[in-house]
Amino acid sequence: MALPKPGTAVRGSRSGRPIMVLLDLLGRRWVLRILWELRDAPLSFRALREQCDAMSPTVLNQRLRELREADIVVLEEPSGYALSRQGRQLLEALMPLQRWSEQWQKRLAKAAE
């Protein structure tokens, strides 16, 4: 699967609008998990794979290649893979969703009591 780029059609959208392209990329299996695991510090390929429940090395390689091409992840020798400046900004933009999801969990748990 080729890296989605703004201006080109993606799954669910022929417009190529940047937000739709980003959502296509983020919707790929394991992408959000990889970003989450890199939130605190760089990780080697092996450590990242272990953090991601031992996902297939082929899939991890593909996702890392896509995220590097999108300038979201960089390879920092010798420490491993890390979020780029753009990747850190993306993770910051996603944090309100993290907070919302925690509040949502509490509301659902309270409603189930």
C-alpha atoms as a PDB file:
ATOM      1  CA  MET A   1       0.000   0.000   0.000  1.00  0.00           C
ATOM      2  CA  ALA A   2       1.475   3.348  -1.026  1.00  0.00           C
ATOM      3  CA  LEU A   3       1.860   6.214   1.380  1.00  0.00           C
ATOM      4  CA  PRO A   4      -1.182   8.484   1.149  1.00  0.00           C
ATOM      5  CA  LYS A   5      -0.356  12.050   0.162  1.00  0.00           C
ATOM      6  CA  PRO A   6      -2.497  15.188   0.222  1.00  0.00           C
ATOM      7  CA  GLY A   7      -4.069  15.800  -3.159  1.00  0.00           C
ATOM      8  CA  THR A   8      -4.516  12.102  -3.959  1.00  0.00           C
ATOM      9  CA  ALA A   9      -7.520   9.890  -3.343  1.00  0.00           C
ATOM     10  CA  VAL A  10      -7.476   7.728  -0.221  1.00  0.00           C
ATOM     11  CA  ARG A  11      -9.757   5.106   1.306  1.00  0.00           C
ATOM     12  CA  GLY A  12     -13.144   6.703   1.853  1.00  0.00           C
ATOM     13  CA  SER A  13     -12.319   9.973   0.092  1.00  0.00           C
ATOM     14  CA  ARG A  14     -11.542  10.922  -3.465  1.00  0.00           C
ATOM     15  CA  SER A  15     -10.869  14.562  -2.520  1.00  0.00           C
ATOM     16  CA  GLY A  16      -7.335  14.119  -1.242  1.00  0.00           C
ATOM     17  CA  ARG A  17      -7.973  16.687   1.473  1.00  0.00           C
ATOM     18  CA  PRO A  18      -5.109  16.698   3.978  1.00  0.00           C
ATOM     19  CA  ILE A  19      -7.315  15.678   6.923  1.00  0.00           C
ATOM     20  CA  MET A  20      -8.711  12.702   4.992  1.00  0.00           C
ATOM     21  CA  VAL A  21      -5.221  11.624   3.981  1.00  0.00           C
ATOM     22  CA  LEU A  22      -4.026  11.882   7.585  1.00  0.00           C
ATOM     23  CA  LEU A  23      -6.994   9.869   8.827  1.00  0.00           C
ATOM     24  CA  ASP A  24      -6.238   7.219   6.211  1.00  0.00           C
ATOM     25  CA  LEU A  25      -2.638   6.977   7.427  1.00  0.00           C
ATOM     26  CA  LEU A  26      -3.611   6.945  11.108  1.00  0.00           C
ATOM     27  CA  GLY A  27      -6.269   4.328  10.401  1.00  0.00           C
ATOM     28  CA  ARG A  28      -3.746   1.796   9.171  1.00  0.00           C
ATOM     29  CA  ARG A  29      -3.244  -1.140  11.474  1.00  0.00           C
ATOM     30  CA  TRP A  30      -0.646  -0.492  14.218  1.00  0.00           C
ATOM     31  CA  VAL A  31       0.104   3.144  13.251  1.00  0.00           C
ATOM     32  CA  LEU A  32      -1.466   4.729  16.329  1.00  0.00           C
ATOM     33  CA  ARG A  33       0.096   2.091  18.568  1.00  0.00           C
ATOM     34  CA  ILE A  34       3.551   2.828  17.134  1.00  0.00           C
ATOM     35  CA  LEU A  35       3.086   6.556  17.719  1.00  0.00           C
ATOM     36  CA  TRP A  36       1.887   5.893  21.266  1.00  0.00           C
ATOM     37  CA  GLU A  37       4.844   3.658  22.102  1.00  0.00           C
ATOM     38  CA  LEU A  38       7.294   6.294  20.821  1.00  0.00           C
ATOM     39  CA  ARG A  39       5.699   9.061  22.912  1.00  0.00           C
ATOM     40  CA  ASP A  40       8.316   9.061  25.679  1.00  0.00           C
ATOM     41  CA  ALA A  41      11.616   8.016  24.134  1.00  0.00           C
ATOM     42  CA  PRO A  42      13.214   6.447  21.068  1.00  0.00           C
ATOM     43  CA  LEU A  43      12.998   2.666  20.807  1.00  0.00           C
ATOM     44  CA  SER A  44      15.029   0.142  18.874  1.00  0.00           C
ATOM     45  CA  PHE A  45      13.191  -1.971  16.325  1.00  0.00           C
ATOM     46  CA  ARG A  46      13.234  -4.936  18.697  1.00  0.00           C
ATOM     47  CA  ALA A  47      11.996  -2.921  21.695  1.00  0.00           C
ATOM     48  CA  LEU A  48       9.262  -1.290  19.620  1.00  0.00           C
ATOM     49  CA  ARG A  49       8.137  -4.683  18.347  1.00  0.00           C
ATOM     50  CA  GLU A  50       7.976  -6.009  21.917  1.00  0.00           C
ATOM     51  CA  GLN A  51       5.998  -2.961  23.073  1.00  0.00           C
ATOM     52  CA  CYS A  52       3.555  -3.597  20.220  1.00  0.00           C
ATOM     53  CA  ASP A  53       2.695  -7.114  21.391  1.00  0.00           C
ATOM     54  CA  ALA A  54       5.267  -8.748  19.115  1.00  0.00           C
ATOM     55  CA  MET A  55       3.636  -7.638  15.876  1.00  0.00           C
ATOM     56  CA  SER A  56       4.956  -9.070  12.666  1.00  0.00           C
ATOM     57  CA  PRO A  57       8.386  -7.639  11.776  1.00  0.00           C
ATOM     58  CA  THR A  58       7.210  -7.278   8.176  1.00  0.00           C
ATOM     59  CA  VAL A  59       4.264  -5.113   9.219  1.00  0.00           C
ATOM     60  CA  LEU A  60       6.398  -3.071  11.607  1.00  0.00           C
ATOM     61  CA  ASN A  61       8.964  -2.442   8.874  1.00  0.00           C
ATOM     62  CA  GLN A  62       6.218  -1.336   6.483  1.00  0.00           C
ATOM     63  CA  ARG A  63       4.585   1.001   8.995  1.00  0.00           C
ATOM     64  CA  LEU A  64       7.916   2.515  10.032  1.00  0.00           C
ATOM     65  CA  ARG A  65       8.790   3.065   6.368  1.00  0.00           C
ATOM     66  CA  GLU A  66       5.444   4.830   5.811  1.00  0.00           C
ATOM     67  CA  LEU A  67       5.788   6.948   8.953  1.00  0.00           C
ATOM     68  CA  ARG A  68       9.346   7.915   8.031  1.00  0.00           C
ATOM     69  CA  GLU A  69       8.256   8.866   4.515  1.00  0.00           C
ATOM     70  CA  ALA A  70       5.471  10.976   6.044  1.00  0.00           C
ATOM     71  CA  ASP A  71       8.055  12.713   8.306  1.00  0.00           C
ATOM     72  CA  ILE A  72       6.298  11.526  11.447  1.00  0.00           C
ATOM     73  CA  VAL A  73       9.003   9.111  12.628  1.00  0.00           C
ATOM     74  CA  VAL A  74      12.779   9.348  12.256  1.00  0.00           C
ATOM     75  CA  LEU A  75      15.569   6.853  12.763  1.00  0.00           C
ATOM     76  CA  GLU A  76      18.041   8.256  15.286  1.00  0.00           C
ATOM     77  CA  GLU A  77      21.256   6.273  15.412  1.00  0.00           C
ATOM     78  CA  PRO A  78      22.034   4.539  17.731  1.00  0.00           C
ATOM     79  CA  SER A  79      18.920   5.018  19.893  1.00  0.00           C
ATOM     80  CA  GLY A  80      16.378   3.780  17.371  1.00  0.00           C
ATOM     81  CA  TYR A  81      13.084   5.140  16.130  1.00  0.00           C
ATOM     82  CA  ALA A  82      11.656   8.369  17.502  1.00  0.00           C
ATOM     83  CA  LEU A  83       8.911  10.827  16.741  1.00  0.00           C
ATOM     84  CA  SER A  84      10.041  13.652  14.484  1.00  0.00           C
ATOM     85  CA  ARG A  85       9.149  17.228  15.347  1.00  0.00           C
ATOM     86  CA  GLN A  86       6.065  16.779  13.168  1.00  0.00           C
ATOM     87  CA  GLY A  87       5.298  13.488  14.914  1.00  0.00           C
ATOM     88  CA  ARG A  88       5.482  15.125  18.348  1.00  0.00           C
ATOM     89  CA  GLN A  89       3.124  17.869  17.149  1.00  0.00           C
ATOM     90  CA  LEU A  90       0.720  15.215  15.861  1.00  0.00           C
ATOM     91  CA  LEU A  91       0.793  13.371  19.183  1.00  0.00           C
ATOM     92  CA  GLU A  92       0.099  16.646  21.014  1.00  0.00           C
ATOM     93  CA  ALA A  93      -2.876  17.230  18.712  1.00  0.00           C
ATOM     94  CA  LEU A  94      -4.199  13.753  19.586  1.00  0.00           C
ATOM     95  CA  MET A  95      -3.922  14.214  23.369  1.00  0.00           C
ATOM     96  CA  PRO A  96      -7.352  15.870  23.711  1.00  0.00           C
ATOM     97  CA  LEU A  97      -8.786  12.620  22.320  1.00  0.00           C
ATOM     98  CA  GLN A  98      -6.894  10.725  25.015  1.00  0.00           C
ATOM     99  CA  ARG A  99      -8.399  12.921  27.723  1.00  0.00           C
ATOM    100  CA  TRP A 100     -11.863  12.642  26.171  1.00  0.00           C
ATOM    101  CA  SER A 101     -11.595   8.848  26.043  1.00  0.00           C
ATOM    102  CA  GLU A 102     -10.682   8.674  29.734  1.00  0.00           C
ATOM    103  CA  GLN A 103     -13.716  10.802  30.642  1.00  0.00           C
ATOM    104  CA  TRP A 104     -15.878   8.669  28.374  1.00  0.00           C
ATOM    105  CA  GLN A 105     -14.684   5.509  30.122  1.00  0.00           C
ATOM    106  CA  LYS A 106     -15.618   7.000  33.496  1.00  0.00           C
ATOM    107  CA  ARG A 107     -19.075   8.029  32.255  1.00  0.00           C
ATOM    108  CA  LEU A 108     -19.741   4.557  30.860  1.00  0.00           C
ATOM    109  CA  ALA A 109     -18.559   2.887  34.059  1.00  0.00           C
ATOM    110  CA  LYS A 110     -20.753   5.172  36.160  1.00  0.00           C
ATOM    111  CA  ALA A 111     -23.766   4.514  33.939  1.00  0.00           C
ATOM    112  CA  ALA A 112     -23.214   0.748  34.298  1.00  0.00           C
ATOM    113  CA  GLU A 113     -23.347   0.909  38.127  1.00  0.00           C
END
